[in-house]
Amino acid sequence: MTIPTRTLGTTGPQVSALGLGCMGMSALYGDADRAESIATIHAALEAGVTLLDTGDFYAMGHNEMLIGEALRAAPAARREQALTSVKFGALRDPQGGWSGYDGRPAAVKNFAAYSLQRLGVDHIDVYRIARVDPGVPIEETVGAIAELVEQGYVRHIGLSEVGADTIRRAAATAPIADVQLEYALITRGIEDRILPVTRELGISVTAYGVLSRGLISGHFTPERQLGASDFRAHSPRFQGENLQHNLTLVEQLRKLAEQKGVSVAQLAIAWVLSRGEDIVPLVGARTRGRLTESLGALDVVLDAADLAAIEAAVPADSALGDRYPSAMMAHLDSER
């Protein structure tokens, strides 16, 4: 398979049409196998995936070190094709708790120094604060990243989970290549205000949660037991009647997938791919098997009739439950 490419905005790099979100290899979705995680990263690079997405706070640096280990063990040609997308700014405590975000310029440079060391690289390809620090103007945070660009430690500036007005303010400060946003069949809140602005400004979107944390993968069942450390055990969409309702949407999607001879996950990822060349889905595959399934979405062609059928089966706003628990929703940019 030859993976097509897409460009991150008008200022960013050319990347594979699917990126690999590595968070689940370290945290928030139950136990992960370190050897299998590294093998999955290697398989992704071998298949032509170039974009590796992480955050310095994923298991308090574990995810960056995991990626660094994988890159060191990869063949030189594959290592050189890898592009790193890093989120920073989340504050953690020794118990794994969350205590806000720090977007001060001095903190930005401190976070970057540690990420460069853990990843074992001399630059980060796309660098972005994970959530806006309400106490620091976005212009100051972006300005600090712009200084890192000038110094060669960062190649491109990104944003994450921000609203339309924040995007405009950031783009007026320095060139923004990409905004990372949750976007899926059942998570379409960016369509009304945010996508029009990113498209106006020539900024791409890396879409995370394209399978809604496994909810619309076709593999999640109501009998599945989730550990206390699994994010989904506390996510409103995975609770009680919400879960039962949301899984009925998945069954509607399954009927369409079977008609096309593809998996539910492949159909859901293909739908995101169909939304525009400026959108790069991130797949959170933790195993080589799931990676292979996700890559199969690149071969799925959706015509107008397919898209209409998908819209009818899973209408916008048809899912029940917020995408984050209330405490985490409070940390989102108020415009989101």
C-alpha atoms as a PDB file:
ATOM      1  CA  MET A   1       0.000   0.000   0.000  1.00  0.00           C
ATOM      2  CA  THR A   2       1.169   3.493  -0.834  1.00  0.00           C
ATOM      3  CA  ILE A   3      -0.135   5.968   1.716  1.00  0.00           C
ATOM      4  CA  PRO A   4      -1.211   9.264   0.147  1.00  0.00           C
ATOM      5  CA  THR A   5       0.019  12.500   1.666  1.00  0.00           C
ATOM      6  CA  ARG A   6      -1.587  15.706   2.838  1.00  0.00           C
ATOM      7  CA  THR A   7      -0.013  19.038   3.785  1.00  0.00           C
ATOM      8  CA  LEU A   8      -0.454  20.640   7.192  1.00  0.00           C
ATOM      9  CA  GLY A   9      -1.801  24.030   6.242  1.00  0.00           C
ATOM     10  CA  THR A  10       0.068  26.442   3.996  1.00  0.00           C
ATOM     11  CA  THR A  11       3.111  26.609   6.254  1.00  0.00           C
ATOM     12  CA  GLY A  12       3.448  23.052   7.527  1.00  0.00           C
ATOM     13  CA  PRO A  13       5.076  19.835   6.365  1.00  0.00           C
ATOM     14  CA  GLN A  14       3.740  17.164   4.049  1.00  0.00           C
ATOM     15  CA  VAL A  15       2.572  14.200   6.108  1.00  0.00           C
ATOM     16  CA  SER A  16       0.926  10.824   5.559  1.00  0.00           C
ATOM     17  CA  ALA A  17      -2.865  11.006   5.160  1.00  0.00           C
ATOM     18  CA  LEU A  18      -3.194   9.051   8.411  1.00  0.00           C
ATOM     19  CA  GLY A  19      -1.134   9.824  11.496  1.00  0.00           C
ATOM     20  CA  LEU A  20      -0.484   7.610  14.504  1.00  0.00           C
ATOM     21  CA  GLY A  21      -1.722   8.867  17.857  1.00  0.00           C
ATOM     22  CA  CYS A  22       0.484   7.188  20.437  1.00  0.00           C
ATOM     23  CA  MET A  23      -1.182   8.218  23.705  1.00  0.00           C
ATOM     24  CA  GLY A  24      -2.917   4.887  24.303  1.00  0.00           C
ATOM     25  CA  MET A  25       0.437   3.116  24.274  1.00  0.00           C
ATOM     26  CA  SER A  26       1.210   4.723  27.630  1.00  0.00           C
ATOM     27  CA  ALA A  27      -1.902   5.927  29.416  1.00  0.00           C
ATOM     28  CA  LEU A  28      -5.641   6.360  29.801  1.00  0.00           C
ATOM     29  CA  TYR A  29      -6.873   3.255  27.952  1.00  0.00           C
ATOM     30  CA  GLY A  30      -5.794   0.417  30.205  1.00  0.00           C
ATOM     31  CA  ASP A  31      -2.665  -1.689  30.080  1.00  0.00           C
ATOM     32  CA  ALA A  32      -0.491  -1.607  26.976  1.00  0.00           C
ATOM     33  CA  ASP A  33       2.314  -3.913  25.872  1.00  0.00           C
ATOM     34  CA  ARG A  34       5.573  -2.002  25.492  1.00  0.00           C
ATOM     35  CA  ALA A  35       7.104  -4.386  22.963  1.00  0.00           C
ATOM     36  CA  GLU A  36       3.921  -4.443  20.885  1.00  0.00           C
ATOM     37  CA  SER A  37       3.685  -0.660  21.058  1.00  0.00           C
ATOM     38  CA  ILE A  38       7.200  -0.265  19.670  1.00  0.00           C
ATOM     39  CA  ALA A  39       6.495  -2.898  17.023  1.00  0.00           C
ATOM     40  CA  THR A  40       3.350  -0.980  16.052  1.00  0.00           C
ATOM     41  CA  ILE A  41       5.291   2.268  15.655  1.00  0.00           C
ATOM     42  CA  HIS A  42       7.838   0.431  13.501  1.00  0.00           C
ATOM     43  CA  ALA A  43       5.060  -1.134  11.414  1.00  0.00           C
ATOM     44  CA  ALA A  44       3.477   2.288  10.934  1.00  0.00           C
ATOM     45  CA  LEU A  45       6.753   3.798   9.757  1.00  0.00           C
ATOM     46  CA  GLU A  46       7.363   0.822   7.460  1.00  0.00           C
ATOM     47  CA  ALA A  47       3.884   1.266   5.950  1.00  0.00           C
ATOM     48  CA  GLY A  48       4.596   4.921   5.206  1.00  0.00           C
ATOM     49  CA  VAL A  49       3.000   6.660   8.179  1.00  0.00           C
ATOM     50  CA  THR A  50       5.076   9.726   8.934  1.00  0.00           C
ATOM     51  CA  LEU A  51       3.200  11.671  11.632  1.00  0.00           C
ATOM     52  CA  LEU A  52       3.618  10.496  15.236  1.00  0.00           C
ATOM     53  CA  ASP A  53       1.503  12.387  17.761  1.00  0.00           C
ATOM     54  CA  THR A  54       2.188  12.534  21.494  1.00  0.00           C
ATOM     55  CA  GLY A  55       2.061  14.766  24.563  1.00  0.00           C
ATOM     56  CA  ASP A  56       4.751  15.373  27.141  1.00  0.00           C
ATOM     57  CA  PHE A  57       2.200  14.661  29.891  1.00  0.00           C
ATOM     58  CA  TYR A  58       1.086  11.259  28.578  1.00  0.00           C
ATOM     59  CA  ALA A  59       2.056   9.094  31.547  1.00  0.00           C
ATOM     60  CA  MET A  60       4.380  11.913  32.641  1.00  0.00           C
ATOM     61  CA  GLY A  61       6.862  11.569  29.797  1.00  0.00           C
ATOM     62  CA  HIS A  62       6.548   7.818  29.285  1.00  0.00           C
ATOM     63  CA  ASN A  63       5.005   8.192  25.829  1.00  0.00           C
ATOM     64  CA  GLU A  64       7.769  10.454  24.564  1.00  0.00           C
ATOM     65  CA  MET A  65      10.410   8.051  25.870  1.00  0.00           C
ATOM     66  CA  LEU A  66       8.570   5.161  24.193  1.00  0.00           C
ATOM     67  CA  ILE A  67       8.582   6.969  20.858  1.00  0.00           C
ATOM     68  CA  GLY A  68      12.228   7.891  21.344  1.00  0.00           C
ATOM     69  CA  GLU A  69      13.079   4.233  21.963  1.00  0.00           C
ATOM     70  CA  ALA A  70      11.144   3.195  18.864  1.00  0.00           C
ATOM     71  CA  LEU A  71      12.869   5.804  16.709  1.00  0.00           C
ATOM     72  CA  ARG A  72      16.330   4.791  17.909  1.00  0.00           C
ATOM     73  CA  ALA A  73      15.609   1.161  16.991  1.00  0.00           C
ATOM     74  CA  ALA A  74      14.089   1.981  13.591  1.00  0.00           C
ATOM     75  CA  PRO A  75      16.104   1.820  10.358  1.00  0.00           C
ATOM     76  CA  ALA A  76      17.701   5.173   9.579  1.00  0.00           C
ATOM     77  CA  ALA A  77      15.513   5.827   6.544  1.00  0.00           C
ATOM     78  CA  ARG A  78      12.326   5.223   8.543  1.00  0.00           C
ATOM     79  CA  ARG A  79      13.581   7.274  11.469  1.00  0.00           C
ATOM     80  CA  GLU A  80      14.324  10.212   9.194  1.00  0.00           C
ATOM     81  CA  GLN A  81      10.810  10.181   7.696  1.00  0.00           C
ATOM     82  CA  ALA A  82       9.158  10.418  11.132  1.00  0.00           C
ATOM     83  CA  LEU A  83       7.606  13.750  12.056  1.00  0.00           C
ATOM     84  CA  THR A  84       6.785  14.465  15.695  1.00  0.00           C
ATOM     85  CA  SER A  85       3.724  16.364  16.865  1.00  0.00           C
ATOM     86  CA  VAL A  86       3.932  17.217  20.557  1.00  0.00           C
ATOM     87  CA  LYS A  87       1.424  18.767  22.953  1.00  0.00           C
ATOM     88  CA  PHE A  88       2.643  20.424  26.130  1.00  0.00           C
ATOM     89  CA  GLY A  89       1.382  22.435  29.059  1.00  0.00           C
ATOM     90  CA  ALA A  90      -0.708  20.031  31.152  1.00  0.00           C
ATOM     91  CA  LEU A  91       0.282  19.982  34.814  1.00  0.00           C
ATOM     92  CA  ARG A  92       0.274  16.650  36.650  1.00  0.00           C
ATOM     93  CA  ASP A  93       0.891  15.494  40.207  1.00  0.00           C
ATOM     94  CA  PRO A  94       2.600  12.305  41.496  1.00  0.00           C
ATOM     95  CA  GLN A  95      -0.765  10.554  41.791  1.00  0.00           C
ATOM     96  CA  GLY A  96      -1.466  11.199  38.116  1.00  0.00           C
ATOM     97  CA  GLY A  97      -3.945  13.988  38.803  1.00  0.00           C
ATOM     98  CA  TRP A  98      -4.474  17.063  36.635  1.00  0.00           C
ATOM     99  CA  SER A  99      -3.992  20.591  37.917  1.00  0.00           C
ATOM    100  CA  GLY A 100      -4.377  22.941  34.992  1.00  0.00           C
ATOM    101  CA  TYR A 101      -2.184  24.220  32.172  1.00  0.00           C
ATOM    102  CA  ASP A 102       0.894  26.429  31.975  1.00  0.00           C
ATOM    103  CA  GLY A 103       1.362  28.526  28.839  1.00  0.00           C
ATOM    104  CA  ARG A 104       3.888  31.044  30.158  1.00  0.00           C
ATOM    105  CA  PRO A 105       6.794  31.647  27.750  1.00  0.00           C
ATOM    106  CA  ALA A 106       9.392  30.374  30.225  1.00  0.00           C
ATOM    107  CA  ALA A 107       7.335  27.225  30.787  1.00  0.00           C
ATOM    108  CA  VAL A 108       6.966  26.668  27.029  1.00  0.00           C
ATOM    109  CA  LYS A 109      10.737  26.582  26.616  1.00  0.00           C
ATOM    110  CA  ASN A 110      11.179  24.392  29.681  1.00  0.00           C
ATOM    111  CA  PHE A 111       8.633  21.855  28.398  1.00  0.00           C
ATOM    112  CA  ALA A 112      10.336  21.825  24.986  1.00  0.00           C
ATOM    113  CA  ALA A 113      13.760  21.147  26.475  1.00  0.00           C
ATOM    114  CA  TYR A 114      12.501  18.050  28.256  1.00  0.00           C
ATOM    115  CA  SER A 115      10.603  16.799  25.193  1.00  0.00           C
ATOM    116  CA  LEU A 116      13.648  17.090  22.956  1.00  0.00           C
ATOM    117  CA  GLN A 117      15.623  15.019  25.462  1.00  0.00           C
ATOM    118  CA  ARG A 118      12.976  12.320  25.922  1.00  0.00           C
ATOM    119  CA  LEU A 119      12.312  11.968  22.207  1.00  0.00           C
ATOM    120  CA  GLY A 120      16.007  11.960  21.373  1.00  0.00           C
ATOM    121  CA  VAL A 121      15.574  14.493  18.553  1.00  0.00           C
ATOM    122  CA  ASP A 122      17.098  17.872  17.783  1.00  0.00           C
ATOM    123  CA  HIS A 123      13.783  19.453  16.815  1.00  0.00           C
ATOM    124  CA  ILE A 124      10.024  18.959  17.171  1.00  0.00           C
ATOM    125  CA  ASP A 125       8.096  19.172  13.929  1.00  0.00           C
ATOM    126  CA  VAL A 126       4.793  20.538  15.288  1.00  0.00           C
ATOM    127  CA  TYR A 127       4.585  21.965  18.804  1.00  0.00           C
ATOM    128  CA  ARG A 128       1.366  23.054  20.507  1.00  0.00           C
ATOM    129  CA  ILE A 129      -0.109  23.743  23.923  1.00  0.00           C
ATOM    130  CA  ALA A 130      -2.639  21.035  24.773  1.00  0.00           C
ATOM    131  CA  ARG A 131      -5.249  23.436  26.136  1.00  0.00           C
ATOM    132  CA  VAL A 132      -5.259  27.224  26.389  1.00  0.00           C
ATOM    133  CA  ASP A 133      -3.902  28.528  29.683  1.00  0.00           C
ATOM    134  CA  PRO A 134      -6.668  30.936  30.779  1.00  0.00           C
ATOM    135  CA  GLY A 135      -4.126  33.015  32.686  1.00  0.00           C
ATOM    136  CA  VAL A 136      -1.820  33.630  29.715  1.00  0.00           C
ATOM    137  CA  PRO A 137      -2.793  35.343  26.451  1.00  0.00           C
ATOM    138  CA  ILE A 138      -2.466  32.926  23.535  1.00  0.00           C
ATOM    139  CA  GLU A 139      -0.261  35.521  21.838  1.00  0.00           C
ATOM    140  CA  GLU A 140       2.387  35.060  24.543  1.00  0.00           C
ATOM    141  CA  THR A 141       2.317  31.270  24.336  1.00  0.00           C
ATOM    142  CA  VAL A 142       2.476  31.242  20.540  1.00  0.00           C
ATOM    143  CA  GLY A 143       5.162  33.915  20.593  1.00  0.00           C
ATOM    144  CA  ALA A 144       7.337  31.669  22.762  1.00  0.00           C
ATOM    145  CA  ILE A 145       6.913  28.787  20.312  1.00  0.00           C
ATOM    146  CA  ALA A 146       7.791  31.176  17.482  1.00  0.00           C
ATOM    147  CA  GLU A 147      11.078  31.917  19.261  1.00  0.00           C
ATOM    148  CA  LEU A 148      11.776  28.170  19.385  1.00  0.00           C
ATOM    149  CA  VAL A 149      11.114  28.057  15.639  1.00  0.00           C
ATOM    150  CA  GLU A 150      13.648  30.845  15.099  1.00  0.00           C
ATOM    151  CA  GLN A 151      16.166  28.906  17.191  1.00  0.00           C
ATOM    152  CA  GLY A 152      15.600  25.678  15.228  1.00  0.00           C
ATOM    153  CA  TYR A 153      14.131  23.628  18.061  1.00  0.00           C
ATOM    154  CA  VAL A 154      10.626  23.627  16.548  1.00  0.00           C
ATOM    155  CA  ARG A 155       9.692  23.549  12.872  1.00  0.00           C
ATOM    156  CA  HIS A 156       5.988  24.481  12.930  1.00  0.00           C
ATOM    157  CA  ILE A 157       3.452  25.917  15.364  1.00  0.00           C
ATOM    158  CA  GLY A 158       0.217  24.123  16.159  1.00  0.00           C
ATOM    159  CA  LEU A 159      -2.788  24.626  18.401  1.00  0.00           C
ATOM    160  CA  SER A 160      -5.060  22.171  20.192  1.00  0.00           C
ATOM    161  CA  GLU A 161      -8.712  22.290  21.284  1.00  0.00           C
ATOM    162  CA  VAL A 162      -9.180  26.005  20.630  1.00  0.00           C
ATOM    163  CA  GLY A 163     -12.082  28.050  19.330  1.00  0.00           C
ATOM    164  CA  ALA A 164     -12.351  30.220  16.257  1.00  0.00           C
ATOM    165  CA  ASP A 165     -11.421  33.522  17.913  1.00  0.00           C
ATOM    166  CA  THR A 166      -8.353  32.012  19.568  1.00  0.00           C
ATOM    167  CA  ILE A 167      -7.241  30.611  16.228  1.00  0.00           C
ATOM    168  CA  ARG A 168      -7.488  34.068  14.680  1.00  0.00           C
ATOM    169  CA  ARG A 169      -5.487  35.673  17.492  1.00  0.00           C
ATOM    170  CA  ALA A 170      -2.802  33.009  17.321  1.00  0.00           C
ATOM    171  CA  ALA A 171      -2.535  33.232  13.528  1.00  0.00           C
ATOM    172  CA  ALA A 172      -2.121  37.006  13.795  1.00  0.00           C
ATOM    173  CA  THR A 173       0.891  36.393  16.044  1.00  0.00           C
ATOM    174  CA  ALA A 174       2.766  33.764  14.010  1.00  0.00           C
ATOM    175  CA  PRO A 175       2.081  31.274  11.190  1.00  0.00           C
ATOM    176  CA  ILE A 176      -0.059  28.368  12.441  1.00  0.00           C
ATOM    177  CA  ALA A 177       0.262  25.104  10.519  1.00  0.00           C
ATOM    178  CA  ASP A 178      -2.336  22.965  12.220  1.00  0.00           C
ATOM    179  CA  VAL A 179      -5.030  22.753  14.889  1.00  0.00           C
ATOM    180  CA  GLN A 180      -5.644  19.458  16.644  1.00  0.00           C
ATOM    181  CA  LEU A 181      -9.328  18.863  17.347  1.00  0.00           C
ATOM    182  CA  GLU A 182     -11.582  15.952  18.188  1.00  0.00           C
ATOM    183  CA  TYR A 183     -13.592  15.066  15.095  1.00  0.00           C
ATOM    184  CA  ALA A 184     -15.593  11.963  14.303  1.00  0.00           C
ATOM    185  CA  LEU A 185     -18.964  10.861  13.037  1.00  0.00           C
ATOM    186  CA  ILE A 186     -20.416  11.413  16.497  1.00  0.00           C
ATOM    187  CA  THR A 187     -18.247  14.431  17.377  1.00  0.00           C
ATOM    188  CA  ARG A 188     -18.915  17.165  14.850  1.00  0.00           C
ATOM    189  CA  GLY A 189     -18.888  20.352  16.893  1.00  0.00           C
ATOM    190  CA  ILE A 190     -16.040  21.889  14.888  1.00  0.00           C
ATOM    191  CA  GLU A 191     -18.065  22.086  11.681  1.00  0.00           C
ATOM    192  CA  ASP A 192     -20.088  25.234  12.335  1.00  0.00           C
ATOM    193  CA  ARG A 193     -17.512  27.818  13.422  1.00  0.00           C
ATOM    194  CA  ILE A 194     -14.044  26.329  13.594  1.00  0.00           C
ATOM    195  CA  LEU A 195     -13.588  24.587  10.244  1.00  0.00           C
ATOM    196  CA  PRO A 196     -14.652  27.689   8.299  1.00  0.00           C
ATOM    197  CA  VAL A 197     -11.962  29.700  10.100  1.00  0.00           C
ATOM    198  CA  THR A 198      -9.176  27.157   9.663  1.00  0.00           C
ATOM    199  CA  ARG A 199     -10.020  26.932   5.967  1.00  0.00           C
ATOM    200  CA  GLU A 200     -10.125  30.701   5.590  1.00  0.00           C
ATOM    201  CA  LEU A 201      -6.678  30.975   7.187  1.00  0.00           C
ATOM    202  CA  GLY A 202      -5.121  27.991   5.415  1.00  0.00           C
ATOM    203  CA  ILE A 203      -4.681  25.954   8.606  1.00  0.00           C
ATOM    204  CA  SER A 204      -5.109  22.189   8.594  1.00  0.00           C
ATOM    205  CA  VAL A 205      -6.769  19.985  11.209  1.00  0.00           C
ATOM    206  CA  THR A 206      -5.296  16.851  12.711  1.00  0.00           C
ATOM    207  CA  ALA A 207      -8.392  15.005  13.889  1.00  0.00           C
ATOM    208  CA  TYR A 208      -8.092  12.907  17.016  1.00  0.00           C
ATOM    209  CA  GLY A 209     -10.731  10.612  18.459  1.00  0.00           C
ATOM    210  CA  VAL A 210     -11.830   9.555  14.972  1.00  0.00           C
ATOM    211  CA  LEU A 211     -13.179   6.310  16.463  1.00  0.00           C
ATOM    212  CA  SER A 212     -14.427   8.117  19.569  1.00  0.00           C
ATOM    213  CA  ARG A 213     -11.998   6.253  21.809  1.00  0.00           C
ATOM    214  CA  GLY A 214     -13.077   2.922  20.396  1.00  0.00           C
ATOM    215  CA  LEU A 215     -16.792   3.571  20.831  1.00  0.00           C
ATOM    216  CA  ILE A 216     -17.484   3.509  17.077  1.00  0.00           C
ATOM    217  CA  SER A 217     -14.716   1.059  16.186  1.00  0.00           C
ATOM    218  CA  GLY A 218     -17.105  -1.874  15.961  1.00  0.00           C
ATOM    219  CA  HIS A 219     -15.086  -3.697  18.609  1.00  0.00           C
ATOM    220  CA  PHE A 220     -16.542  -2.223  21.807  1.00  0.00           C
ATOM    221  CA  THR A 221     -19.257  -4.234  23.569  1.00  0.00           C
ATOM    222  CA  PRO A 222     -21.487  -3.315  26.534  1.00  0.00           C
ATOM    223  CA  GLU A 223     -20.037  -6.228  28.500  1.00  0.00           C
ATOM    224  CA  ARG A 224     -16.506  -4.870  28.358  1.00  0.00           C
ATOM    225  CA  GLN A 225     -15.022  -4.206  31.789  1.00  0.00           C
ATOM    226  CA  LEU A 226     -12.987  -1.017  32.064  1.00  0.00           C
ATOM    227  CA  GLY A 227     -10.345  -0.512  34.731  1.00  0.00           C
ATOM    228  CA  ALA A 228     -10.333   2.548  36.963  1.00  0.00           C
ATOM    229  CA  SER A 229      -7.345   3.981  35.073  1.00  0.00           C
ATOM    230  CA  ASP A 230      -9.174   3.711  31.749  1.00  0.00           C
ATOM    231  CA  PHE A 231     -10.480   7.120  30.673  1.00  0.00           C
ATOM    232  CA  ARG A 232     -13.623   5.523  29.273  1.00  0.00           C
ATOM    233  CA  ALA A 233     -14.673   4.291  32.712  1.00  0.00           C
ATOM    234  CA  HIS A 234     -15.425   7.936  33.530  1.00  0.00           C
ATOM    235  CA  SER A 235     -16.484   9.198  30.098  1.00  0.00           C
ATOM    236  CA  PRO A 236     -20.186  10.104  29.860  1.00  0.00           C
ATOM    237  CA  ARG A 237     -20.517   8.472  26.437  1.00  0.00           C
ATOM    238  CA  PHE A 238     -19.571   5.090  27.886  1.00  0.00           C
ATOM    239  CA  GLN A 239     -22.016   5.129  30.791  1.00  0.00           C
ATOM    240  CA  GLY A 240     -25.328   3.299  31.171  1.00  0.00           C
ATOM    241  CA  GLU A 241     -28.090   4.355  28.811  1.00  0.00           C
ATOM    242  CA  ASN A 242     -25.717   6.624  26.922  1.00  0.00           C
ATOM    243  CA  LEU A 243     -23.565   3.650  26.007  1.00  0.00           C
ATOM    244  CA  GLN A 244     -26.538   1.522  24.999  1.00  0.00           C
ATOM    245  CA  HIS A 245     -27.850   4.277  22.735  1.00  0.00           C
ATOM    246  CA  ASN A 246     -24.456   4.995  21.207  1.00  0.00           C
ATOM    247  CA  LEU A 247     -23.864   1.344  20.424  1.00  0.00           C
ATOM    248  CA  THR A 248     -27.151   1.253  18.513  1.00  0.00           C
ATOM    249  CA  LEU A 249     -25.639   3.903  16.248  1.00  0.00           C
ATOM    250  CA  VAL A 250     -22.635   1.641  15.758  1.00  0.00           C
ATOM    251  CA  GLU A 251     -24.902  -1.214  14.701  1.00  0.00           C
ATOM    252  CA  GLN A 252     -26.483   1.049  12.105  1.00  0.00           C
ATOM    253  CA  LEU A 253     -23.000   1.840  10.851  1.00  0.00           C
ATOM    254  CA  ARG A 254     -22.102  -1.866  10.862  1.00  0.00           C
ATOM    255  CA  LYS A 255     -24.879  -2.599   8.360  1.00  0.00           C
ATOM    256  CA  LEU A 256     -23.399  -0.078   5.936  1.00  0.00           C
ATOM    257  CA  ALA A 257     -19.868  -1.379   6.496  1.00  0.00           C
ATOM    258  CA  GLU A 258     -20.949  -4.927   5.732  1.00  0.00           C
ATOM    259  CA  GLN A 259     -22.584  -3.782   2.507  1.00  0.00           C
ATOM    260  CA  LYS A 260     -19.253  -2.295   1.403  1.00  0.00           C
ATOM    261  CA  GLY A 261     -17.218  -5.244   2.658  1.00  0.00           C
ATOM    262  CA  VAL A 262     -15.216  -3.194   5.134  1.00  0.00           C
ATOM    263  CA  SER A 263     -15.016  -2.968   8.905  1.00  0.00           C
ATOM    264  CA  VAL A 264     -16.897  -0.440  11.013  1.00  0.00           C
ATOM    265  CA  ALA A 265     -13.623   1.233  11.974  1.00  0.00           C
ATOM    266  CA  GLN A 266     -12.557   1.525   8.357  1.00  0.00           C
ATOM    267  CA  LEU A 267     -15.861   3.132   7.400  1.00  0.00           C
ATOM    268  CA  ALA A 268     -15.658   5.609  10.294  1.00  0.00           C
ATOM    269  CA  ILE A 269     -12.071   6.586   9.453  1.00  0.00           C
ATOM    270  CA  ALA A 270     -12.885   6.839   5.751  1.00  0.00           C
ATOM    271  CA  TRP A 271     -15.696   9.247   6.608  1.00  0.00           C
ATOM    272  CA  VAL A 272     -13.219  11.572   8.349  1.00  0.00           C
ATOM    273  CA  LEU A 273     -10.825  11.277   5.400  1.00  0.00           C
ATOM    274  CA  SER A 274     -13.691  12.310   3.106  1.00  0.00           C
ATOM    275  CA  ARG A 275     -14.240  15.593   4.923  1.00  0.00           C
ATOM    276  CA  GLY A 276     -11.404  17.380   3.131  1.00  0.00           C
ATOM    277  CA  GLU A 277      -7.757  17.271   2.121  1.00  0.00           C
ATOM    278  CA  ASP A 278      -7.021  19.667   4.990  1.00  0.00           C
ATOM    279  CA  ILE A 279      -7.972  17.039   7.593  1.00  0.00           C
ATOM    280  CA  VAL A 280      -5.487  14.380   8.734  1.00  0.00           C
ATOM    281  CA  PRO A 281      -7.031  11.679  10.957  1.00  0.00           C
ATOM    282  CA  LEU A 282      -4.959  10.345  13.833  1.00  0.00           C
ATOM    283  CA  VAL A 283      -5.571   6.662  14.540  1.00  0.00           C
ATOM    284  CA  GLY A 284      -4.889   5.426  18.045  1.00  0.00           C
ATOM    285  CA  ALA A 285      -3.838   1.891  17.116  1.00  0.00           C
ATOM    286  CA  ARG A 286      -1.954   0.161  19.935  1.00  0.00           C
ATOM    287  CA  THR A 287      -1.310  -3.100  18.089  1.00  0.00           C
ATOM    288  CA  ARG A 288      -0.165  -4.048  14.626  1.00  0.00           C
ATOM    289  CA  GLY A 289      -3.507  -5.709  13.951  1.00  0.00           C
ATOM    290  CA  ARG A 290      -5.481  -2.561  14.707  1.00  0.00           C
ATOM    291  CA  LEU A 291      -2.984  -0.526  12.692  1.00  0.00           C
ATOM    292  CA  THR A 292      -3.496  -2.746   9.653  1.00  0.00           C
ATOM    293  CA  GLU A 293      -7.254  -2.386   9.997  1.00  0.00           C
ATOM    294  CA  SER A 294      -6.980   1.400  10.226  1.00  0.00           C
ATOM    295  CA  LEU A 295      -4.715   1.657   7.196  1.00  0.00           C
ATOM    296  CA  GLY A 296      -7.335  -0.259   5.240  1.00  0.00           C
ATOM    297  CA  ALA A 297      -9.537   2.849   5.471  1.00  0.00           C
ATOM    298  CA  LEU A 298      -7.307   4.474   2.864  1.00  0.00           C
ATOM    299  CA  ASP A 299      -8.701   2.044   0.277  1.00  0.00           C
ATOM    300  CA  VAL A 300     -12.338   2.792   1.099  1.00  0.00           C
ATOM    301  CA  VAL A 301     -13.999   5.018  -1.497  1.00  0.00           C
ATOM    302  CA  LEU A 302     -17.162   6.769  -0.376  1.00  0.00           C
ATOM    303  CA  ASP A 303     -19.450   8.172  -3.056  1.00  0.00           C
ATOM    304  CA  ALA A 304     -22.322  10.599  -2.530  1.00  0.00           C
ATOM    305  CA  ALA A 305     -24.777   7.772  -1.868  1.00  0.00           C
ATOM    306  CA  ASP A 306     -22.465   6.246   0.749  1.00  0.00           C
ATOM    307  CA  LEU A 307     -22.052   9.568   2.527  1.00  0.00           C
ATOM    308  CA  ALA A 308     -25.793  10.176   2.534  1.00  0.00           C
ATOM    309  CA  ALA A 309     -26.409   6.720   3.984  1.00  0.00           C
ATOM    310  CA  ILE A 310     -23.822   7.314   6.718  1.00  0.00           C
ATOM    311  CA  GLU A 311     -25.391  10.669   7.586  1.00  0.00           C
ATOM    312  CA  ALA A 312     -28.804   9.003   7.816  1.00  0.00           C
ATOM    313  CA  ALA A 313     -27.500   6.192  10.012  1.00  0.00           C
ATOM    314  CA  VAL A 314     -25.503   8.441  12.340  1.00  0.00           C
ATOM    315  CA  PRO A 315     -26.834  12.002  12.157  1.00  0.00           C
ATOM    316  CA  ALA A 316     -24.852  14.871  13.620  1.00  0.00           C
ATOM    317  CA  ASP A 317     -25.505  15.281  17.358  1.00  0.00           C
ATOM    318  CA  SER A 318     -27.064  11.812  17.560  1.00  0.00           C
ATOM    319  CA  ALA A 319     -24.686  10.537  20.254  1.00  0.00           C
ATOM    320  CA  LEU A 320     -25.556  10.829  23.932  1.00  0.00           C
ATOM    321  CA  GLY A 321     -23.108  12.100  26.543  1.00  0.00           C
ATOM    322  CA  ASP A 322     -20.352  14.700  26.540  1.00  0.00           C
ATOM    323  CA  ARG A 323     -17.019  13.703  25.079  1.00  0.00           C
ATOM    324  CA  TYR A 324     -15.239  14.443  28.391  1.00  0.00           C
ATOM    325  CA  PRO A 325     -16.277  14.295  32.042  1.00  0.00           C
ATOM    326  CA  SER A 326     -17.532  17.666  33.335  1.00  0.00           C
ATOM    327  CA  ALA A 327     -14.303  18.451  35.190  1.00  0.00           C
ATOM    328  CA  MET A 328     -12.283  18.093  31.974  1.00  0.00           C
ATOM    329  CA  MET A 329     -14.841  19.975  29.886  1.00  0.00           C
ATOM    330  CA  ALA A 330     -14.214  22.960  32.142  1.00  0.00           C
ATOM    331  CA  HIS A 331     -10.613  23.173  30.860  1.00  0.00           C
ATOM    332  CA  LEU A 332     -11.626  23.527  27.214  1.00  0.00           C
ATOM    333  CA  ASP A 333     -11.426  26.865  25.445  1.00  0.00           C
ATOM    334  CA  SER A 334     -14.786  28.501  26.203  1.00  0.00           C
ATOM    335  CA  GLU A 335     -15.371  28.890  22.467  1.00  0.00           C
ATOM    336  CA  ARG A 336     -15.320  25.118  21.955  1.00  0.00           C
END
